[in-house]
Amino acid sequence: MATDLATPPTAAPKAKKPKRADKVPLGTAVLRYRWLYLMLLPGLAYFVIFKYLPMYGVTIAFQDYLPFLGYSGSPWVGFKHFEQLFSGPDFTRLLANTLILAALHILFVFTAPVIVALMLNELRVNILKRSIQSLIYIPHFLSWTIVAALTYVLFAADFGVIAAWMRDLLGDTTKIDYMAQEQWFREIVIMQQLWKMTGWGTIIYLAALAGVDPNLYEAARMDGASRFRQLWHVTLPAIRPTVVVMAILASGNLLDSGFEQIWLMTTSLNREVAEVFDTYVYYAGVQNGNFSYSTAVGLFKGVAGVILIFGSNWLAKRMGQRGLF
């Protein structure tokens, strides 16, 4: 009996950990999902051929590139072209013009689809809602060349409809050439972007609004919330992640003002405020044949865009949002 009391109790057997499922070999996975991988190939080939392979051409930003010498034969000059860009007389003006257009774009063009989507979401007559959606989508499918031509027709000093209407409204007989004056360039560019991009941008936000649980609105109505309170406390929080993601993506394009639109709207009289990095690359690289310098300008834009995306993503996470990655 004493011997039995002195015997230490037997330890309970440890629970066995479940065995980890064996990893599927890569070849088996590819064979199993071969049709999905086959569908992936065209998109992958597009990015490799047109996005990654041309990145080798960025090296000419550090060379005095001459076409007949090629990449390997052109002499290396280091950061010469970047020093020329940052110390040149045009950099401050280009940066100011680009940032002003970017700020106006964020303030008006980025927020307009959100506002229009919220307004369309409040419509209860489906026929009216779909008709408005179709009408505001149409400008997206027009090229910037057509948009610029329509702008000239509307704002031309001699025969422009809006120009004539403005003269009648202000009682001024002086013909104002809105297309050539510097003070009207940015306003016209932003109005073009609003007309062309707002309808298409509402698609994403309408899709986000379609995913809002109707029970949330029902609970808010039972608590006595007005339509504005439902919008503020239910609708906006529901689409906030979508707005944050779109804002992060837009931040990477702050220095990308859009070459085609700006180039079509630039004249010799408004170039002081119209010229941005995109058009400057064309003038410096294509027209003047300074390929290395224009590549340096484009590389500066690309690096700045990457920094802005990572910075805005970090800021979104610091503010409690999910971010993009």
Protein backbone atom coordinates (compact mmCIF):
# COMPACT_ATOMS: atom_id res chain seq x y z
CA MET A 1 0.00 0.00 0.00
CA ALA A 2 2.82 2.35 0.89
CA THR A 3 4.54 1.47 -2.31
CA ASP A 4 1.42 2.33 -4.27
CA LEU A 5 1.11 5.73 -2.54
CA ALA A 6 4.71 6.58 -3.29
CA THR A 7 4.31 5.84 -6.95
CA PRO A 8 3.92 9.10 -8.89
CA PRO A 9 0.76 9.40 -10.96
CA THR A 10 1.08 8.53 -14.60
CA ALA A 11 1.14 11.63 -16.84
CA ALA A 12 -1.81 12.02 -19.17
CA PRO A 13 -0.90 11.20 -22.77
CA LYS A 14 -0.36 14.26 -24.94
CA ALA A 15 -2.83 14.91 -27.67
CA LYS A 16 -1.35 14.17 -31.04
CA LYS A 17 -1.14 17.08 -33.41
CA PRO A 18 -3.11 16.56 -36.57
CA LYS A 19 -0.93 15.62 -39.46
CA ARG A 20 -0.31 18.41 -41.92
CA ALA A 21 -1.75 17.71 -45.28
CA ASP A 22 0.89 16.95 -47.83
CA LYS A 23 1.54 19.72 -50.28
CA VAL A 24 0.37 19.10 -53.79
CA PRO A 25 3.32 18.98 -56.19
CA LEU A 26 3.57 21.92 -58.57
CA GLY A 27 3.25 19.72 -61.62
CA THR A 28 0.09 18.10 -60.27
CA ALA A 29 -1.44 21.48 -59.44
CA VAL A 30 -0.67 22.84 -62.90
CA LEU A 31 -2.12 19.71 -64.51
CA ARG A 32 -5.22 19.89 -62.35
CA TYR A 33 -5.89 23.57 -63.10
CA ARG A 34 -4.38 23.56 -66.58
CA TRP A 35 -7.30 25.43 -68.17
CA LEU A 36 -7.02 28.26 -65.64
CA TYR A 37 -3.29 28.54 -66.23
CA LEU A 38 -3.92 28.49 -69.98
CA MET A 39 -6.32 31.43 -69.58
CA LEU A 40 -3.64 33.21 -67.56
CA LEU A 41 -1.00 32.98 -70.29
CA PRO A 42 -2.21 35.84 -72.58
CA GLY A 43 -2.37 38.33 -69.73
CA LEU A 44 0.98 37.17 -68.36
CA ALA A 45 2.56 37.42 -71.81
CA TYR A 46 1.18 40.93 -72.23
CA PHE A 47 2.76 42.16 -69.00
CA VAL A 48 6.08 40.45 -69.69
CA ILE A 49 6.39 41.72 -73.26
CA PHE A 50 4.95 45.22 -72.94
CA LYS A 51 5.58 46.08 -69.26
CA TYR A 52 8.66 44.28 -67.93
CA LEU A 53 10.95 43.80 -70.92
CA PRO A 54 10.78 47.51 -71.94
CA MET A 55 11.96 48.46 -68.45
CA TYR A 56 15.48 47.74 -69.61
CA GLY A 57 15.19 50.88 -71.72
CA VAL A 58 15.18 52.93 -68.51
CA THR A 59 18.95 52.54 -68.47
CA ILE A 60 19.29 55.23 -71.15
CA ALA A 61 18.35 57.77 -68.47
CA PHE A 62 21.91 57.25 -67.19
CA GLN A 63 23.48 57.41 -70.65
CA ASP A 64 24.02 59.84 -73.48
CA TYR A 65 21.97 57.59 -75.68
CA LEU A 66 22.62 57.59 -79.41
CA PRO A 67 20.39 55.33 -81.54
CA PHE A 68 23.17 54.21 -83.87
CA LEU A 69 25.33 53.16 -80.87
CA GLY A 70 22.54 51.34 -79.06
CA TYR A 71 22.23 50.54 -75.36
CA SER A 72 25.63 48.92 -75.02
CA GLY A 73 27.59 51.47 -77.03
CA SER A 74 26.21 54.71 -75.61
CA PRO A 75 28.43 56.31 -72.94
CA TRP A 76 27.34 56.31 -69.30
CA VAL A 77 26.90 59.71 -67.66
CA GLY A 78 25.36 58.77 -64.30
CA PHE A 79 22.89 61.28 -62.90
CA LYS A 80 23.72 64.04 -65.36
CA HIS A 81 20.23 64.22 -66.84
CA PHE A 82 18.55 64.20 -63.43
CA GLU A 83 20.75 67.08 -62.31
CA GLN A 84 19.82 68.90 -65.51
CA LEU A 85 16.12 68.29 -64.79
CA PHE A 86 16.10 69.39 -61.15
CA SER A 87 18.36 72.41 -61.66
CA GLY A 88 16.79 73.53 -64.92
CA PRO A 89 14.47 76.54 -65.21
CA ASP A 90 11.51 74.45 -66.32
CA PHE A 91 11.28 72.02 -63.38
CA THR A 92 9.53 74.36 -60.93
CA ARG A 93 6.98 75.44 -63.53
CA LEU A 94 6.31 71.87 -64.67
CA LEU A 95 5.93 70.63 -61.11
CA ALA A 96 3.58 73.48 -60.18
CA ASN A 97 1.39 73.00 -63.26
CA THR A 98 1.21 69.24 -62.72
CA LEU A 99 0.43 69.48 -59.00
CA ILE A 100 -2.25 72.14 -59.50
CA LEU A 101 -4.03 69.98 -62.08
CA ALA A 102 -3.63 66.96 -59.79
CA ALA A 103 -5.13 68.84 -56.83
CA LEU A 104 -8.08 70.02 -58.93
CA HIS A 105 -8.54 66.48 -60.23
CA ILE A 106 -8.68 65.03 -56.70
CA LEU A 107 -10.96 67.80 -55.46
CA PHE A 108 -13.52 67.63 -58.27
CA VAL A 109 -13.04 64.69 -60.64
CA PHE A 110 -12.29 62.08 -57.96
CA THR A 111 -15.15 63.09 -55.68
CA ALA A 112 -17.76 63.60 -58.44
CA PRO A 113 -18.36 59.84 -59.08
CA VAL A 114 -18.93 59.26 -55.37
CA ILE A 115 -21.50 62.06 -55.17
CA VAL A 116 -23.27 60.99 -58.37
CA ALA A 117 -23.35 57.35 -57.22
CA LEU A 118 -24.91 58.38 -53.90
CA MET A 119 -27.52 60.47 -55.70
CA LEU A 120 -28.36 57.67 -58.14
CA ASN A 121 -28.61 55.23 -55.25
CA GLU A 122 -31.38 57.35 -53.72
CA LEU A 123 -33.52 57.15 -56.86
CA ARG A 124 -36.37 54.68 -56.55
CA VAL A 125 -37.64 54.85 -60.15
CA ASN A 126 -35.52 52.25 -61.94
CA ILE A 127 -36.28 53.54 -65.45
CA LEU A 128 -35.10 57.03 -64.55
CA LYS A 129 -32.06 55.67 -62.73
CA ARG A 130 -30.95 53.48 -65.65
CA SER A 131 -31.58 56.24 -68.17
CA ILE A 132 -29.37 58.66 -66.25
CA GLN A 133 -26.67 56.00 -65.90
CA SER A 134 -26.65 55.34 -69.64
CA LEU A 135 -26.50 59.04 -70.51
CA ILE A 136 -23.58 59.82 -68.22
CA TYR A 137 -21.64 56.70 -69.32
CA ILE A 138 -21.60 57.68 -73.01
CA PRO A 139 -18.86 60.39 -72.84
CA HIS A 140 -16.37 57.82 -71.55
CA PHE A 141 -16.33 56.11 -74.96
CA LEU A 142 -15.43 59.31 -76.82
CA SER A 143 -11.78 59.97 -77.56
CA TRP A 144 -10.02 63.04 -76.23
CA THR A 145 -9.78 64.28 -79.82
CA ILE A 146 -13.57 64.43 -80.07
CA VAL A 147 -13.83 66.01 -76.62
CA ALA A 148 -11.30 68.69 -77.61
CA ALA A 149 -13.16 69.35 -80.88
CA LEU A 150 -16.47 69.74 -79.03
CA THR A 151 -14.78 72.11 -76.59
CA TYR A 152 -13.52 74.29 -79.42
CA VAL A 153 -17.00 74.37 -80.94
CA LEU A 154 -18.55 75.44 -77.63
CA PHE A 155 -15.92 77.92 -76.45
CA ALA A 156 -14.57 79.43 -79.68
CA ALA A 157 -14.59 83.22 -79.59
CA ASP A 158 -16.26 83.64 -82.99
CA PHE A 159 -18.92 80.93 -83.10
CA GLY A 160 -18.83 79.21 -79.71
CA VAL A 161 -22.27 78.60 -78.21
CA ILE A 162 -21.14 78.93 -74.61
CA ALA A 163 -18.93 81.91 -75.46
CA ALA A 164 -21.92 83.71 -77.02
CA TRP A 165 -24.11 82.78 -74.07
CA MET A 166 -21.52 84.18 -71.65
CA ARG A 167 -21.37 87.44 -73.62
CA ASP A 168 -25.17 87.79 -73.46
CA LEU A 169 -25.21 86.94 -69.77
CA LEU A 170 -22.52 89.44 -68.85
CA GLY A 171 -23.69 92.07 -71.33
CA ASP A 172 -20.21 92.31 -72.79
CA THR A 173 -19.68 92.65 -76.52
CA THR A 174 -15.98 91.78 -76.29
CA LYS A 175 -15.15 88.38 -77.71
CA ILE A 176 -13.18 86.36 -75.16
CA ASP A 177 -11.04 83.55 -76.51
CA TYR A 178 -11.43 81.05 -73.67
CA MET A 179 -9.29 78.47 -75.45
CA ALA A 180 -6.23 80.70 -75.66
CA GLN A 181 -6.25 82.46 -72.29
CA GLU A 182 -4.16 81.05 -69.45
CA GLN A 183 -6.69 81.76 -66.71
CA TRP A 184 -9.31 79.54 -68.35
CA PHE A 185 -7.12 76.56 -69.25
CA ARG A 186 -7.36 74.62 -65.98
CA GLU A 187 -11.11 75.22 -65.61
CA ILE A 188 -11.78 73.90 -69.11
CA VAL A 189 -9.55 70.86 -68.59
CA ILE A 190 -11.31 69.93 -65.33
CA MET A 191 -14.74 70.40 -66.94
CA GLN A 192 -13.69 68.05 -69.73
CA GLN A 193 -12.58 65.42 -67.23
CA LEU A 194 -15.79 65.78 -65.24
CA TRP A 195 -17.92 65.29 -68.34
CA LYS A 196 -15.91 62.35 -69.64
CA MET A 197 -14.98 60.43 -66.49
CA THR A 198 -17.73 60.93 -63.93
CA GLY A 199 -20.24 58.48 -65.40
CA TRP A 200 -17.73 55.69 -65.81
CA GLY A 201 -16.35 56.20 -62.32
CA THR A 202 -19.77 55.71 -60.75
CA ILE A 203 -19.81 52.05 -61.83
CA ILE A 204 -17.43 50.99 -59.05
CA TYR A 205 -19.26 52.91 -56.35
CA LEU A 206 -22.70 51.74 -57.50
CA ALA A 207 -21.39 48.17 -57.31
CA ALA A 208 -20.19 48.85 -53.76
CA LEU A 209 -23.55 50.37 -52.84
CA ALA A 210 -25.35 47.31 -54.21
CA GLY A 211 -23.56 45.20 -51.60
CA VAL A 212 -24.88 47.15 -48.61
CA ASP A 213 -27.13 44.98 -46.44
CA PRO A 214 -30.75 46.31 -46.65
CA ASN A 215 -31.27 45.21 -43.04
CA LEU A 216 -28.95 48.00 -41.94
CA TYR A 217 -31.27 50.59 -43.49
CA GLU A 218 -34.28 48.88 -41.93
CA ALA A 219 -32.65 48.98 -38.49
CA ALA A 220 -31.74 52.63 -38.96
CA ARG A 221 -35.33 53.50 -39.93
CA MET A 222 -36.65 51.68 -36.87
CA ASP A 223 -34.32 53.81 -34.75
CA GLY A 224 -35.82 56.92 -36.32
CA ALA A 225 -32.90 57.81 -38.60
CA SER A 226 -33.68 60.24 -41.41
CA ARG A 227 -32.50 59.72 -44.99
CA PHE A 228 -29.48 61.91 -44.34
CA ARG A 229 -28.62 59.95 -41.17
CA GLN A 230 -28.91 56.68 -43.10
CA LEU A 231 -26.58 58.08 -45.71
CA TRP A 232 -24.07 59.27 -43.14
CA HIS A 233 -24.09 56.26 -40.79
CA VAL A 234 -24.85 53.36 -43.15
CA THR A 235 -24.07 54.18 -46.78
CA LEU A 236 -20.81 56.10 -46.42
CA PRO A 237 -19.18 53.62 -43.98
CA ALA A 238 -20.16 50.79 -46.33
CA ILE A 239 -18.34 52.28 -49.34
CA ARG A 240 -15.44 53.74 -47.36
CA PRO A 241 -13.06 50.81 -48.13
CA THR A 242 -13.76 51.22 -51.86
CA VAL A 243 -13.11 54.96 -51.69
CA VAL A 244 -9.84 54.37 -49.82
CA VAL A 245 -8.62 51.84 -52.40
CA MET A 246 -9.52 54.15 -55.29
CA ALA A 247 -7.76 57.04 -53.53
CA ILE A 248 -4.58 54.99 -53.13
CA LEU A 249 -4.64 54.06 -56.81
CA ALA A 250 -5.29 57.69 -57.78
CA SER A 251 -2.35 58.88 -55.69
CA GLY A 252 0.03 56.99 -57.96
CA ASN A 253 -1.19 59.08 -60.91
CA LEU A 254 -0.81 62.50 -59.33
CA LEU A 255 2.05 63.38 -61.68
CA ASP A 256 0.29 61.79 -64.66
CA SER A 257 -1.88 64.55 -66.07
CA GLY A 258 -2.73 62.74 -69.29
CA PHE A 259 -0.72 63.53 -72.39
CA GLU A 260 -3.44 63.42 -75.05
CA GLN A 261 -5.90 65.79 -73.39
CA ILE A 262 -3.29 68.36 -72.35
CA TRP A 263 -1.50 68.26 -75.71
CA LEU A 264 -4.74 68.83 -77.62
CA MET A 265 -5.68 71.78 -75.42
CA THR A 266 -2.25 73.45 -75.41
CA THR A 267 -1.68 76.50 -77.59
CA SER A 268 1.19 78.91 -77.93
CA LEU A 269 -0.70 81.41 -75.75
CA ASN A 270 -1.46 79.14 -72.76
CA ARG A 271 1.66 76.94 -72.76
CA GLU A 272 3.03 78.67 -69.66
CA VAL A 273 0.31 77.06 -67.51
CA ALA A 274 -0.54 74.11 -69.78
CA GLU A 275 2.81 72.37 -70.08
CA VAL A 276 3.17 69.42 -67.69
CA PHE A 277 5.64 66.55 -67.39
CA ASP A 278 3.76 64.42 -69.93
CA THR A 279 3.87 67.00 -72.71
CA TYR A 280 7.39 68.08 -71.73
CA VAL A 281 8.61 64.51 -72.30
CA TYR A 282 7.11 64.62 -75.80
CA TYR A 283 8.66 67.97 -76.69
CA ALA A 284 12.06 67.14 -75.20
CA GLY A 285 12.25 63.53 -76.32
CA VAL A 286 10.39 63.17 -79.61
CA GLN A 287 10.65 66.61 -81.16
CA ASN A 288 14.16 67.49 -79.96
CA GLY A 289 15.55 63.95 -80.03
CA ASN A 290 16.84 64.11 -76.43
CA PHE A 291 15.87 60.56 -75.53
CA SER A 292 18.02 60.20 -72.41
CA TYR A 293 16.74 63.42 -70.86
CA SER A 294 13.09 62.59 -71.54
CA THR A 295 13.62 59.09 -70.10
CA ALA A 296 15.03 60.66 -66.95
CA VAL A 297 11.88 62.78 -66.66
CA GLY A 298 9.67 59.73 -67.11
CA LEU A 299 11.69 57.74 -64.56
CA PHE A 300 11.32 60.55 -62.05
CA LYS A 301 7.55 60.40 -62.55
CA GLY A 302 7.50 56.63 -62.12
CA VAL A 303 9.55 56.64 -58.92
CA ALA A 304 7.42 59.46 -57.49
CA GLY A 305 4.26 57.48 -58.32
CA VAL A 306 5.54 54.37 -56.52
CA ILE A 307 6.47 56.42 -53.44
CA LEU A 308 3.04 58.05 -53.41
CA ILE A 309 1.25 54.69 -53.63
CA PHE A 310 3.24 53.15 -50.78
CA GLY A 311 2.93 56.35 -48.72
CA SER A 312 -0.83 56.63 -49.18
CA ASN A 313 -1.25 52.92 -48.41
CA TRP A 314 0.75 53.34 -45.19
CA LEU A 315 -1.30 56.41 -44.27
CA ALA A 316 -4.56 54.54 -44.89
CA LYS A 317 -3.48 51.74 -42.55
CA ARG A 318 -2.43 54.23 -39.90
CA MET A 319 -5.93 55.70 -40.08
CA GLY A 320 -7.51 52.30 -39.46
CA GLN A 321 -8.35 51.35 -43.04
CA ARG A 322 -7.39 48.10 -44.75
CA GLY A 323 -5.31 49.68 -47.46
CA LEU A 324 -4.46 48.20 -50.82
CA PHE A 325 -1.78 45.71 -49.73
